[in-house]
PDB file of N, CA and C in Angstrom:
ATOM      1  N   MET A   1       0.830  -1.198   0.000  1.00  0.00           N
ATOM      2  CA  MET A   1       0.000   0.000   0.000  1.00  0.00           C
ATOM      3  C   MET A   1       0.871   1.257   0.000  1.00  0.00           C
ATOM      4  N   ARG A   2       1.970   1.217   0.757  1.00  0.00           N
ATOM      5  CA  ARG A   2       2.861   2.383   0.807  1.00  0.00           C
ATOM      6  C   ARG A   2       3.399   2.710  -0.589  1.00  0.00           C
ATOM      7  N   GLU A   3       3.773   1.671  -1.355  1.00  0.00           N
ATOM      8  CA  GLU A   3       4.299   1.884  -2.705  1.00  0.00           C
ATOM      9  C   GLU A   3       3.224   2.443  -3.633  1.00  0.00           C
ATOM     10  N   LEU A   4       1.988   1.929  -3.504  1.00  0.00           N
ATOM     11  CA  LEU A   4       0.892   2.408  -4.340  1.00  0.00           C
ATOM     12  C   LEU A   4       0.665   3.902  -4.112  1.00  0.00           C
ATOM     13  N   ILE A   5       0.649   4.307  -2.863  1.00  0.00           N
ATOM     14  CA  ILE A   5       0.417   5.727  -2.564  1.00  0.00           C
ATOM     15  C   ILE A   5       1.580   6.576  -3.057  1.00  0.00           C
ATOM     16  N   ALA A   6       2.803   6.099  -2.871  1.00  0.00           N
ATOM     17  CA  ALA A   6       3.966   6.851  -3.360  1.00  0.00           C
ATOM     18  C   ALA A   6       3.909   7.007  -4.882  1.00  0.00           C
ATOM     19  N   GLU A   7       3.520   5.953  -5.583  1.00  0.00           N
ATOM     20  CA  GLU A   7       3.412   6.028  -7.037  1.00  0.00           C
ATOM     21  C   GLU A   7       2.256   6.926  -7.476  1.00  0.00           C
ATOM     22  N   LEU A   8       1.140   6.891  -6.756  1.00  0.00           N
ATOM     23  CA  LEU A   8       0.015   7.778  -7.059  1.00  0.00           C
ATOM     24  C   LEU A   8       0.429   9.240  -6.899  1.00  0.00           C
ATOM     25  N   VAL A   9       1.061   9.567  -5.789  1.00  0.00           N
ATOM     26  CA  VAL A   9       1.505  10.944  -5.553  1.00  0.00           C
ATOM     27  C   VAL A   9       2.514  11.367  -6.632  1.00  0.00           C
ATOM     28  N   ALA A  10       3.409  10.466  -7.002  1.00  0.00           N
ATOM     29  CA  ALA A  10       4.381  10.783  -8.057  1.00  0.00           C
ATOM     30  C   ALA A  10       3.681  11.049  -9.390  1.00  0.00           C
ATOM     31  N   ALA A  11       2.634  10.283  -9.693  1.00  0.00           N
ATOM     32  CA  ALA A  11       1.875  10.510 -10.929  1.00  0.00           C
ATOM     33  C   ALA A  11       1.186  11.869 -10.895  1.00  0.00           C
ATOM     34  N   TRP A  12       0.600  12.219  -9.739  1.00  0.00           N
ATOM     35  CA  TRP A  12      -0.010  13.547  -9.604  1.00  0.00           C
ATOM     36  C   TRP A  12       1.026  14.634  -9.816  1.00  0.00           C
ATOM     37  N   GLN A  13       2.165  14.500  -9.147  1.00  0.00           N
ATOM     38  CA  GLN A  13       3.198  15.532  -9.237  1.00  0.00           C
ATOM     39  C   GLN A  13       3.745  15.661 -10.655  1.00  0.00           C
ATOM     40  N   ALA A  14       3.703  14.585 -11.418  1.00  0.00           N
ATOM     41  CA  ALA A  14       4.146  14.611 -12.816  1.00  0.00           C
ATOM     42  C   ALA A  14       3.045  15.083 -13.763  1.00  0.00           C
ATOM     43  N   GLY A  15       1.832  15.272 -13.230  1.00  0.00           N
ATOM     44  CA  GLY A  15       0.710  15.676 -14.075  1.00  0.00           C
ATOM     45  C   GLY A  15       0.248  14.573 -15.018  1.00  0.00           C
ATOM     46  N   ASP A  16       0.445  13.326 -14.623  1.00  0.00           N
ATOM     47  CA  ASP A  16       0.104  12.176 -15.459  1.00  0.00           C
ATOM     48  C   ASP A  16      -1.258  11.618 -15.039  1.00  0.00           C
ATOM     49  N   ALA A  17      -2.303  12.146 -15.645  1.00  0.00           N
ATOM     50  CA  ALA A  17      -3.668  11.772 -15.282  1.00  0.00           C
ATOM     51  C   ALA A  17      -3.963  10.307 -15.575  1.00  0.00           C
ATOM     52  N   LEU A  18      -3.480   9.796 -16.697  1.00  0.00           N
ATOM     53  CA  LEU A  18      -3.752   8.412 -17.060  1.00  0.00           C
ATOM     54  C   LEU A  18      -3.118   7.457 -16.057  1.00  0.00           C
ATOM     55  N   ARG A  19      -1.864   7.690 -15.722  1.00  0.00           N
ATOM     56  CA  ARG A  19      -1.190   6.830 -14.746  1.00  0.00           C
ATOM     57  C   ARG A  19      -1.856   6.947 -13.369  1.00  0.00           C
ATOM     58  N   ALA A  20      -2.202   8.166 -12.947  1.00  0.00           N
ATOM     59  CA  ALA A  20      -2.822   8.367 -11.634  1.00  0.00           C
ATOM     60  C   ALA A  20      -4.173   7.653 -11.553  1.00  0.00           C
ATOM     61  N   SER A  21      -4.975   7.764 -12.574  1.00  0.00           N
ATOM     62  CA  SER A  21      -6.301   7.134 -12.539  1.00  0.00           C
ATOM     63  C   SER A  21      -6.207   5.616 -12.592  1.00  0.00           C
ATOM     64  N   ALA A  22      -5.129   5.077 -13.148  1.00  0.00           N
ATOM     65  CA  ALA A  22      -4.967   3.622 -13.250  1.00  0.00           C
ATOM     66  C   ALA A  22      -4.812   2.955 -11.887  1.00  0.00           C
ATOM     67  N   PHE A  23      -4.505   3.712 -10.850  1.00  0.00           N
ATOM     68  CA  PHE A  23      -4.397   3.148  -9.503  1.00  0.00           C
ATOM     69  C   PHE A  23      -5.765   2.910  -8.868  1.00  0.00           C
ATOM     70  N   PHE A  24      -6.827   3.403  -9.487  1.00  0.00           N
ATOM     71  CA  PHE A  24      -8.176   3.263  -8.949  1.00  0.00           C
ATOM     72  C   PHE A  24      -8.905   2.084  -9.596  1.00  0.00           C
ATOM     73  N   ALA A  25      -9.716   1.411  -8.791  1.00  0.00           N
ATOM     74  CA  ALA A  25     -10.570   0.338  -9.296  1.00  0.00           C
ATOM     75  C   ALA A  25     -11.569   0.923 -10.291  1.00  0.00           C
ATOM     76  N   PRO A  26     -12.104   0.094 -11.183  1.00  0.00           N
ATOM     77  CA  PRO A  26     -13.082   0.600 -12.154  1.00  0.00           C
ATOM     78  C   PRO A  26     -14.249   1.346 -11.512  1.00  0.00           C
ATOM     79  N   ASP A  27     -14.642   0.951 -10.295  1.00  0.00           N
ATOM     80  CA  ASP A  27     -15.730   1.628  -9.593  1.00  0.00           C
ATOM     81  C   ASP A  27     -15.217   2.407  -8.375  1.00  0.00           C
ATOM     82  N   GLY A  28     -13.932   2.756  -8.384  1.00  0.00           N
ATOM     83  CA  GLY A  28     -13.323   3.475  -7.270  1.00  0.00           C
ATOM     84  C   GLY A  28     -13.912   4.856  -7.059  1.00  0.00           C
ATOM     85  N   ARG A  29     -13.662   5.400  -5.865  1.00  0.00           N
ATOM     86  CA  ARG A  29     -14.179   6.725  -5.490  1.00  0.00           C
ATOM     87  C   ARG A  29     -13.027   7.635  -5.117  1.00  0.00           C
ATOM     88  N   PHE A  30     -13.028   8.837  -5.678  1.00  0.00           N
ATOM     89  CA  PHE A  30     -12.069   9.885  -5.342  1.00  0.00           C
ATOM     90  C   PHE A  30     -12.887  11.037  -4.775  1.00  0.00           C
ATOM     91  N   HIS A  31     -12.635  11.370  -3.505  1.00  0.00           N
ATOM     92  CA  HIS A  31     -13.491  12.347  -2.826  1.00  0.00           C
ATOM     93  C   HIS A  31     -12.623  13.441  -2.216  1.00  0.00           C
ATOM     94  N   GLU A  32     -12.567  14.591  -2.881  1.00  0.00           N
ATOM     95  CA  GLU A  32     -11.847  15.741  -2.355  1.00  0.00           C
ATOM     96  C   GLU A  32     -12.670  16.393  -1.250  1.00  0.00           C
ATOM     97  N   ALA A  33     -11.985  16.999  -0.304  1.00  0.00           N
ATOM     98  CA  ALA A  33     -12.661  17.684   0.800  1.00  0.00           C
ATOM     99  C   ALA A  33     -13.583  18.773   0.261  1.00  0.00           C
ATOM    100  N   GLY A  34     -14.811  18.794   0.761  1.00  0.00           N
ATOM    101  CA  GLY A  34     -15.764  19.840   0.395  1.00  0.00           C
ATOM    102  C   GLY A  34     -16.383  19.698  -0.980  1.00  0.00           C
ATOM    103  N   ARG A  35     -16.164  18.575  -1.646  1.00  0.00           N
ATOM    104  CA  ARG A  35     -16.733  18.365  -2.986  1.00  0.00           C
ATOM    105  C   ARG A  35     -17.462  17.033  -3.038  1.00  0.00           C
ATOM    106  N   ASP A  36     -18.278  16.877  -4.059  1.00  0.00           N
ATOM    107  CA  ASP A  36     -18.957  15.601  -4.261  1.00  0.00           C
ATOM    108  C   ASP A  36     -17.949  14.550  -4.700  1.00  0.00           C
ATOM    109  N   PRO A  37     -18.158  13.288  -4.311  1.00  0.00           N
ATOM    110  CA  PRO A  37     -17.234  12.242  -4.746  1.00  0.00           C
ATOM    111  C   PRO A  37     -17.315  12.017  -6.250  1.00  0.00           C
ATOM    112  N   ILE A  38     -16.199  11.619  -6.803  1.00  0.00           N
ATOM    113  CA  ILE A  38     -16.117  11.243  -8.216  1.00  0.00           C
ATOM    114  C   ILE A  38     -16.035   9.725  -8.225  1.00  0.00           C
ATOM    115  N   VAL A  39     -16.944   9.091  -8.936  1.00  0.00           N
ATOM    116  CA  VAL A  39     -17.062   7.632  -8.888  1.00  0.00           C
ATOM    117  C   VAL A  39     -16.742   7.046 -10.262  1.00  0.00           C
ATOM    118  N   GLY A  40     -15.838   6.082 -10.250  1.00  0.00           N
ATOM    119  CA  GLY A  40     -15.466   5.370 -11.472  1.00  0.00           C
ATOM    120  C   GLY A  40     -14.151   5.867 -12.042  1.00  0.00           C
ATOM    121  N   ARG A  41     -13.327   4.927 -12.481  1.00  0.00           N
ATOM    122  CA  ARG A  41     -12.000   5.268 -13.004  1.00  0.00           C
ATOM    123  C   ARG A  41     -12.065   6.257 -14.168  1.00  0.00           C
ATOM    124  N   GLU A  42     -13.017   6.083 -15.068  1.00  0.00           N
ATOM    125  CA  GLU A  42     -13.118   6.989 -16.227  1.00  0.00           C
ATOM    126  C   GLU A  42     -13.445   8.416 -15.782  1.00  0.00           C
ATOM    127  N   ALA A  43     -14.341   8.557 -14.813  1.00  0.00           N
ATOM    128  CA  ALA A  43     -14.681   9.897 -14.299  1.00  0.00           C
ATOM    129  C   ALA A  43     -13.502  10.497 -13.546  1.00  0.00           C
ATOM    130  N   ILE A  44     -12.769   9.660 -12.821  1.00  0.00           N
ATOM    131  CA  ILE A  44     -11.580  10.131 -12.110  1.00  0.00           C
ATOM    132  C   ILE A  44     -10.533  10.592 -13.112  1.00  0.00           C
ATOM    133  N   LEU A  45     -10.325   9.829 -14.173  1.00  0.00           N
ATOM    134  CA  LEU A  45      -9.395  10.225 -15.235  1.00  0.00           C
ATOM    135  C   LEU A  45      -9.787  11.579 -15.813  1.00  0.00           C
ATOM    136  N   ALA A  46     -11.057  11.759 -16.148  1.00  0.00           N
ATOM    137  CA  ALA A  46     -11.517  13.030 -16.726  1.00  0.00           C
ATOM    138  C   ALA A  46     -11.282  14.178 -15.752  1.00  0.00           C
ATOM    139  N   HIS A  47     -11.538  13.941 -14.469  1.00  0.00           N
ATOM    140  CA  HIS A  47     -11.307  14.975 -13.452  1.00  0.00           C
ATOM    141  C   HIS A  47      -9.823  15.357 -13.398  1.00  0.00           C
ATOM    142  N   PHE A  48      -8.951  14.362 -13.324  1.00  0.00           N
ATOM    143  CA  PHE A  48      -7.514  14.640 -13.275  1.00  0.00           C
ATOM    144  C   PHE A  48      -7.061  15.368 -14.539  1.00  0.00           C
ATOM    145  N   GLN A  49      -7.534  14.932 -15.700  1.00  0.00           N
ATOM    146  CA  GLN A  49      -7.143  15.580 -16.957  1.00  0.00           C
ATOM    147  C   GLN A  49      -7.538  17.056 -16.955  1.00  0.00           C
ATOM    148  N   ARG A  50      -8.775  17.348 -16.562  1.00  0.00           N
ATOM    149  CA  ARG A  50      -9.231  18.743 -16.518  1.00  0.00           C
ATOM    150  C   ARG A  50      -8.384  19.563 -15.557  1.00  0.00           C
ATOM    151  N   PHE A  51      -8.147  19.029 -14.366  1.00  0.00           N
ATOM    152  CA  PHE A  51      -7.394  19.784 -13.369  1.00  0.00           C
ATOM    153  C   PHE A  51      -5.956  20.014 -13.819  1.00  0.00           C
ATOM    154  N   PHE A  52      -5.311  18.984 -14.332  1.00  0.00           N
ATOM    155  CA  PHE A  52      -3.922  19.138 -14.766  1.00  0.00           C
ATOM    156  C   PHE A  52      -3.812  20.082 -15.961  1.00  0.00           C
ATOM    157  N   ARG A  53      -4.795  20.078 -16.826  1.00  0.00           N
ATOM    158  CA  ARG A  53      -4.777  20.928 -18.027  1.00  0.00           C
ATOM    159  C   ARG A  53      -5.240  22.349 -17.738  1.00  0.00           C
ATOM    160  N   ASP A  54      -6.332  22.508 -16.991  1.00  0.00           N
ATOM    161  CA  ASP A  54      -6.976  23.813 -16.844  1.00  0.00           C
ATOM    162  C   ASP A  54      -6.812  24.459 -15.479  1.00  0.00           C
ATOM    163  N   GLY A  55      -6.356  23.710 -14.504  1.00  0.00           N
ATOM    164  CA  GLY A  55      -6.249  24.235 -13.145  1.00  0.00           C
ATOM    165  C   GLY A  55      -5.032  25.131 -12.974  1.00  0.00           C
ATOM    166  N   PRO A  56      -4.944  25.778 -11.833  1.00  0.00           N
ATOM    167  CA  PRO A  56      -3.805  26.653 -11.556  1.00  0.00           C
ATOM    168  C   PRO A  56      -2.550  25.820 -11.277  1.00  0.00           C
ATOM    169  N   PRO A  57      -1.382  26.443 -11.318  1.00  0.00           N
ATOM    170  CA  PRO A  57      -0.196  25.726 -10.857  1.00  0.00           C
ATOM    171  C   PRO A  57      -0.414  25.282  -9.416  1.00  0.00           C
ATOM    172  N   TRP A  58       0.036  24.080  -9.077  1.00  0.00           N
ATOM    173  CA  TRP A  58      -0.248  23.526  -7.770  1.00  0.00           C
ATOM    174  C   TRP A  58       0.897  22.639  -7.302  1.00  0.00           C
ATOM    175  N   ARG A  59       0.854  22.343  -6.008  1.00  0.00           N
ATOM    176  CA  ARG A  59       1.812  21.423  -5.384  1.00  0.00           C
ATOM    177  C   ARG A  59       1.060  20.513  -4.427  1.00  0.00           C
ATOM    178  N   PHE A  60       1.498  19.290  -4.336  1.00  0.00           N
ATOM    179  CA  PHE A  60       0.957  18.318  -3.381  1.00  0.00           C
ATOM    180  C   PHE A  60       2.157  17.654  -2.734  1.00  0.00           C
ATOM    181  N   ASP A  61       2.334  17.871  -1.447  1.00  0.00           N
ATOM    182  CA  ASP A  61       3.471  17.314  -0.734  1.00  0.00           C
ATOM    183  C   ASP A  61       2.969  16.457   0.423  1.00  0.00           C
ATOM    184  N   ALA A  62       3.276  15.175   0.376  1.00  0.00           N
ATOM    185  CA  ALA A  62       2.923  14.260   1.460  1.00  0.00           C
ATOM    186  C   ALA A  62       3.968  14.371   2.558  1.00  0.00           C
ATOM    187  N   SER A  63       3.505  14.409   3.809  1.00  0.00           N
ATOM    188  CA  SER A  63       4.453  14.562   4.904  1.00  0.00           C
ATOM    189  C   SER A  63       4.532  13.346   5.808  1.00  0.00           C
ATOM    190  N   GLU A  64       3.469  12.577   5.903  1.00  0.00           N
ATOM    191  CA  GLU A  64       3.473  11.421   6.798  1.00  0.00           C
ATOM    192  C   GLU A  64       2.402  10.445   6.341  1.00  0.00           C
ATOM    193  N   ALA A  65       2.700   9.164   6.444  1.00  0.00           N
ATOM    194  CA  ALA A  65       1.723   8.139   6.092  1.00  0.00           C
ATOM    195  C   ALA A  65       1.707   7.070   7.169  1.00  0.00           C
ATOM    196  N   ILE A  66       0.504   6.653   7.519  1.00  0.00           N
ATOM    197  CA  ILE A  66       0.304   5.517   8.408  1.00  0.00           C
ATOM    198  C   ILE A  66      -0.367   4.455   7.538  1.00  0.00           C
ATOM    199  N   VAL A  67       0.299   3.320   7.409  1.00  0.00           N
ATOM    200  CA  VAL A  67      -0.145   2.325   6.440  1.00  0.00           C
ATOM    201  C   VAL A  67      -0.375   0.987   7.126  1.00  0.00           C
ATOM    202  N   GLU A  68      -1.531   0.404   6.856  1.00  0.00           N
ATOM    203  CA  GLU A  68      -1.813  -0.982   7.193  1.00  0.00           C
ATOM    204  C   GLU A  68      -1.838  -1.740   5.878  1.00  0.00           C
ATOM    205  N   THR A  69      -2.194  -2.977   5.924  1.00  0.00           N
ATOM    206  CA  THR A  69      -2.142  -3.801   4.713  1.00  0.00           C
ATOM    207  C   THR A  69      -2.901  -3.167   3.550  1.00  0.00           C
ATOM    208  N   ASP A  70      -4.163  -2.858   3.736  1.00  0.00           N
ATOM    209  CA  ASP A  70      -4.981  -2.324   2.642  1.00  0.00           C
ATOM    210  C   ASP A  70      -5.646  -0.997   2.972  1.00  0.00           C
ATOM    211  N   ARG A  71      -5.139  -0.310   4.007  1.00  0.00           N
ATOM    212  CA  ARG A  71      -5.668   0.995   4.376  1.00  0.00           C
ATOM    213  C   ARG A  71      -4.501   1.917   4.713  1.00  0.00           C
ATOM    214  N   ALA A  72      -4.725   3.201   4.488  1.00  0.00           N
ATOM    215  CA  ALA A  72      -3.669   4.169   4.801  1.00  0.00           C
ATOM    216  C   ALA A  72      -4.287   5.514   5.130  1.00  0.00           C
ATOM    217  N   ALA A  73      -3.558   6.270   5.934  1.00  0.00           N
ATOM    218  CA  ALA A  73      -3.877   7.670   6.210  1.00  0.00           C
ATOM    219  C   ALA A  73      -2.647   8.467   5.816  1.00  0.00           C
ATOM    220  N   LEU A  74      -2.854   9.534   5.097  1.00  0.00           N
ATOM    221  CA  LEU A  74      -1.758  10.339   4.564  1.00  0.00           C
ATOM    222  C   LEU A  74      -1.970  11.800   4.931  1.00  0.00           C
ATOM    223  N   ALA A  75      -0.992  12.392   5.596  1.00  0.00           N
ATOM    224  CA  ALA A  75      -1.028  13.832   5.863  1.00  0.00           C
ATOM    225  C   ALA A  75      -0.345  14.528   4.693  1.00  0.00           C
ATOM    226  N   TYR A  76      -0.911  15.658   4.264  1.00  0.00           N
ATOM    227  CA  TYR A  76      -0.351  16.357   3.107  1.00  0.00           C
ATOM    228  C   TYR A  76      -0.555  17.858   3.221  1.00  0.00           C
ATOM    229  N   ARG A  77       0.138  18.567   2.349  1.00  0.00           N
ATOM    230  CA  ARG A  77      -0.072  19.999   2.160  1.00  0.00           C
ATOM    231  C   ARG A  77      -0.326  20.210   0.667  1.00  0.00           C
ATOM    232  N   PHE A  78      -1.462  20.862   0.373  1.00  0.00           N
ATOM    233  CA  PHE A  78      -1.840  21.177  -1.008  1.00  0.00           C
ATOM    234  C   PHE A  78      -1.766  22.681  -1.167  1.00  0.00           C
ATOM    235  N   ALA A  79      -1.112  23.133  -2.221  1.00  0.00           N
ATOM    236  CA  ALA A  79      -0.968  24.574  -2.448  1.00  0.00           C
ATOM    237  C   ALA A  79      -1.265  24.899  -3.902  1.00  0.00           C
ATOM    238  N   VAL A  80      -1.889  26.050  -4.121  1.00  0.00           N
ATOM    239  CA  VAL A  80      -2.122  26.558  -5.473  1.00  0.00           C
ATOM    240  C   VAL A  80      -1.535  27.965  -5.567  1.00  0.00           C
ATOM    241  N   LEU A  81      -1.105  28.304  -6.762  1.00  0.00           N
ATOM    242  CA  LEU A  81      -0.559  29.627  -7.023  1.00  0.00           C
ATOM    243  C   LEU A  81      -1.709  30.549  -7.404  1.00  0.00           C
ATOM    244  N   ASP A  82      -1.906  31.620  -6.632  1.00  0.00           N
ATOM    245  CA  ASP A  82      -3.017  32.520  -6.936  1.00  0.00           C
ATOM    246  C   ASP A  82      -2.622  33.525  -8.016  1.00  0.00           C
ATOM    247  N   ALA A  83      -3.587  34.323  -8.460  1.00  0.00           N
ATOM    248  CA  ALA A  83      -3.359  35.279  -9.551  1.00  0.00           C
ATOM    249  C   ALA A  83      -2.301  36.312  -9.208  1.00  0.00           C
ATOM    250  N   GLY A  84      -2.087  36.572  -7.935  1.00  0.00           N
ATOM    251  CA  GLY A  84      -1.077  37.532  -7.504  1.00  0.00           C
ATOM    252  C   GLY A  84       0.318  36.950  -7.378  1.00  0.00           C
ATOM    253  N   GLY A  85       0.458  35.650  -7.663  1.00  0.00           N
ATOM    254  CA  GLY A  85       1.761  35.016  -7.603  1.00  0.00           C
ATOM    255  C   GLY A  85       2.135  34.458  -6.239  1.00  0.00           C
ATOM    256  N   ALA A  86       1.180  34.400  -5.320  1.00  0.00           N
ATOM    257  CA  ALA A  86       1.448  33.860  -3.985  1.00  0.00           C
ATOM    258  C   ALA A  86       0.884  32.437  -3.884  1.00  0.00           C
ATOM    259  N   TRP A  87       1.604  31.590  -3.172  1.00  0.00           N
ATOM    260  CA  TRP A  87       1.128  30.232  -2.933  1.00  0.00           C
ATOM    261  C   TRP A  87       0.159  30.235  -1.756  1.00  0.00           C
ATOM    262  N   ARG A  88      -1.030  29.681  -1.968  1.00  0.00           N
ATOM    263  CA  ARG A  88      -2.019  29.493  -0.903  1.00  0.00           C
ATOM    264  C   ARG A  88      -2.039  28.007  -0.568  1.00  0.00           C
ATOM    265  N   ALA A  89      -1.699  27.690   0.671  1.00  0.00           N
ATOM    266  CA  ALA A  89      -1.569  26.289   1.069  1.00  0.00           C
ATOM    267  C   ALA A  89      -2.580  25.927   2.139  1.00  0.00           C
ATOM    268  N   SER A  90      -2.969  24.661   2.130  1.00  0.00           N
ATOM    269  CA  SER A  90      -3.811  24.127   3.189  1.00  0.00           C
ATOM    270  C   SER A  90      -3.338  22.708   3.496  1.00  0.00           C
ATOM    271  N   ASP A  91      -3.433  22.361   4.775  1.00  0.00           N
ATOM    272  CA  ASP A  91      -3.057  21.027   5.210  1.00  0.00           C
ATOM    273  C   ASP A  91      -4.278  20.136   5.186  1.00  0.00           C
ATOM    274  N   GLY A  92      -4.048  18.870   4.920  1.00  0.00           N
ATOM    275  CA  GLY A  92      -5.146  17.927   4.883  1.00  0.00           C
ATOM    276  C   GLY A  92      -4.680  16.525   5.201  1.00  0.00           C
ATOM    277  N   CYS A  93      -5.651  15.638   5.214  1.00  0.00           N
ATOM    278  CA  CYS A  93      -5.403  14.227   5.453  1.00  0.00           C
ATOM    279  C   CYS A  93      -6.274  13.443   4.478  1.00  0.00           C
ATOM    280  N   ALA A  94      -5.742  12.360   3.963  1.00  0.00           N
ATOM    281  CA  ALA A  94      -6.517  11.489   3.085  1.00  0.00           C
ATOM    282  C   ALA A  94      -6.548  10.091   3.682  1.00  0.00           C
ATOM    283  N   LEU A  95      -7.694   9.473   3.608  1.00  0.00           N
ATOM    284  CA  LEU A  95      -7.845   8.074   3.976  1.00  0.00           C
ATOM    285  C   LEU A  95      -8.012   7.292   2.685  1.00  0.00           C
ATOM    286  N   ALA A  96      -7.252   6.213   2.558  1.00  0.00           N
ATOM    287  CA  ALA A  96      -7.292   5.408   1.340  1.00  0.00           C
ATOM    288  C   ALA A  96      -7.563   3.959   1.707  1.00  0.00           C
ATOM    289  N   ARG A  97      -8.285   3.294   0.810  1.00  0.00           N
ATOM    290  CA  ARG A  97      -8.597   1.880   1.004  1.00  0.00           C
ATOM    291  C   ARG A  97      -8.378   1.158  -0.313  1.00  0.00           C
ATOM    292  N   ARG A  98      -7.731   0.001  -0.234  1.00  0.00           N
ATOM    293  CA  ARG A  98      -7.376  -0.792  -1.418  1.00  0.00           C
ATOM    294  C   ARG A  98      -8.044  -2.158  -1.343  1.00  0.00           C
ATOM    295  N   GLU A  99      -8.478  -2.627  -2.491  1.00  0.00           N
ATOM    296  CA  GLU A  99      -8.977  -3.999  -2.637  1.00  0.00           C
ATOM    297  C   GLU A  99      -8.412  -4.556  -3.925  1.00  0.00           C
ATOM    298  N   ALA A 100      -7.950  -5.780  -3.870  1.00  0.00           N
ATOM    299  CA  ALA A 100      -7.400  -6.465  -5.049  1.00  0.00           C
ATOM    300  C   ALA A 100      -6.342  -5.614  -5.757  1.00  0.00           C
ATOM    301  N   GLY A 101      -5.541  -4.903  -4.967  1.00  0.00           N
ATOM    302  CA  GLY A 101      -4.424  -4.151  -5.523  1.00  0.00           C
ATOM    303  C   GLY A 101      -4.746  -2.766  -6.053  1.00  0.00           C
ATOM    304  N   LEU A 102      -6.016  -2.363  -6.041  1.00  0.00           N
ATOM    305  CA  LEU A 102      -6.413  -1.061  -6.569  1.00  0.00           C
ATOM    306  C   LEU A 102      -7.147  -0.248  -5.508  1.00  0.00           C
ATOM    307  N   LEU A 103      -7.070   1.060  -5.636  1.00  0.00           N
ATOM    308  CA  LEU A 103      -7.776   1.936  -4.708  1.00  0.00           C
ATOM    309  C   LEU A 103      -9.274   1.881  -4.974  1.00  0.00           C
ATOM    310  N   VAL A 104     -10.030   1.615  -3.933  1.00  0.00           N
ATOM    311  CA  VAL A 104     -11.484   1.659  -4.054  1.00  0.00           C
ATOM    312  C   VAL A 104     -12.019   2.937  -3.440  1.00  0.00           C
ATOM    313  N   GLU A 105     -11.178   3.585  -2.610  1.00  0.00           N
ATOM    314  CA  GLU A 105     -11.613   4.856  -2.036  1.00  0.00           C
ATOM    315  C   GLU A 105     -10.403   5.702  -1.664  1.00  0.00           C
ATOM    316  N   TRP A 106     -10.503   6.976  -2.006  1.00  0.00           N
ATOM    317  CA  TRP A 106      -9.563   8.014  -1.571  1.00  0.00           C
ATOM    318  C   TRP A 106     -10.432   9.160  -1.083  1.00  0.00           C
ATOM    319  N   ARG A 107     -10.364   9.461   0.208  1.00  0.00           N
ATOM    320  CA  ARG A 107     -11.212  10.511   0.774  1.00  0.00           C
ATOM    321  C   ARG A 107     -10.353  11.511   1.520  1.00  0.00           C
ATOM    322  N   GLU A 108     -10.490  12.784   1.149  1.00  0.00           N
ATOM    323  CA  GLU A 108      -9.681  13.845   1.728  1.00  0.00           C
ATOM    324  C   GLU A 108     -10.475  14.673   2.747  1.00  0.00           C
ATOM    325  N   TYR A 109      -9.740  15.124   3.756  1.00  0.00           N
ATOM    326  CA  TYR A 109     -10.287  16.004   4.789  1.00  0.00           C
ATOM    327  C   TYR A 109      -9.314  17.170   4.937  1.00  0.00           C
ATOM    328  N   GLN A 110      -9.853  18.373   5.036  1.00  0.00           N
ATOM    329  CA  GLN A 110      -9.004  19.542   5.263  1.00  0.00           C
ATOM    330  C   GLN A 110      -9.563  20.319   6.441  1.00  0.00           C
ATOM    331  N   GLY A 111      -8.647  20.964   7.155  1.00  0.00           N
ATOM    332  CA  GLY A 111      -9.121  21.697   8.319  1.00  0.00           C
ATOM    333  C   GLY A 111      -8.271  22.888   8.642  1.00  0.00           C
TER     334      GLY A 111
END
């Protein structure tokens, strides 16, 4: 599970939507804090593609992970570059669950 999360984060940081979405099960759920969940690998791929193509410059830095066999909690900092050139950052945590080698759920919390 630790390797899967490291590879997922690396795919995000590389802006590789296809590789990032491939870590999710066909009916997997990606749920960003404060937004409706995105269900299904194809919908997750489309979401990642739009964000990587049309979204602002951003950073995602993982700071700590607690990993069990098929579950993990990840602390992170997400930052976007605003129109004035300043980075706006927020800390968050994601809970992930894997079945049969693929992510079935990624749920983020920010506070």
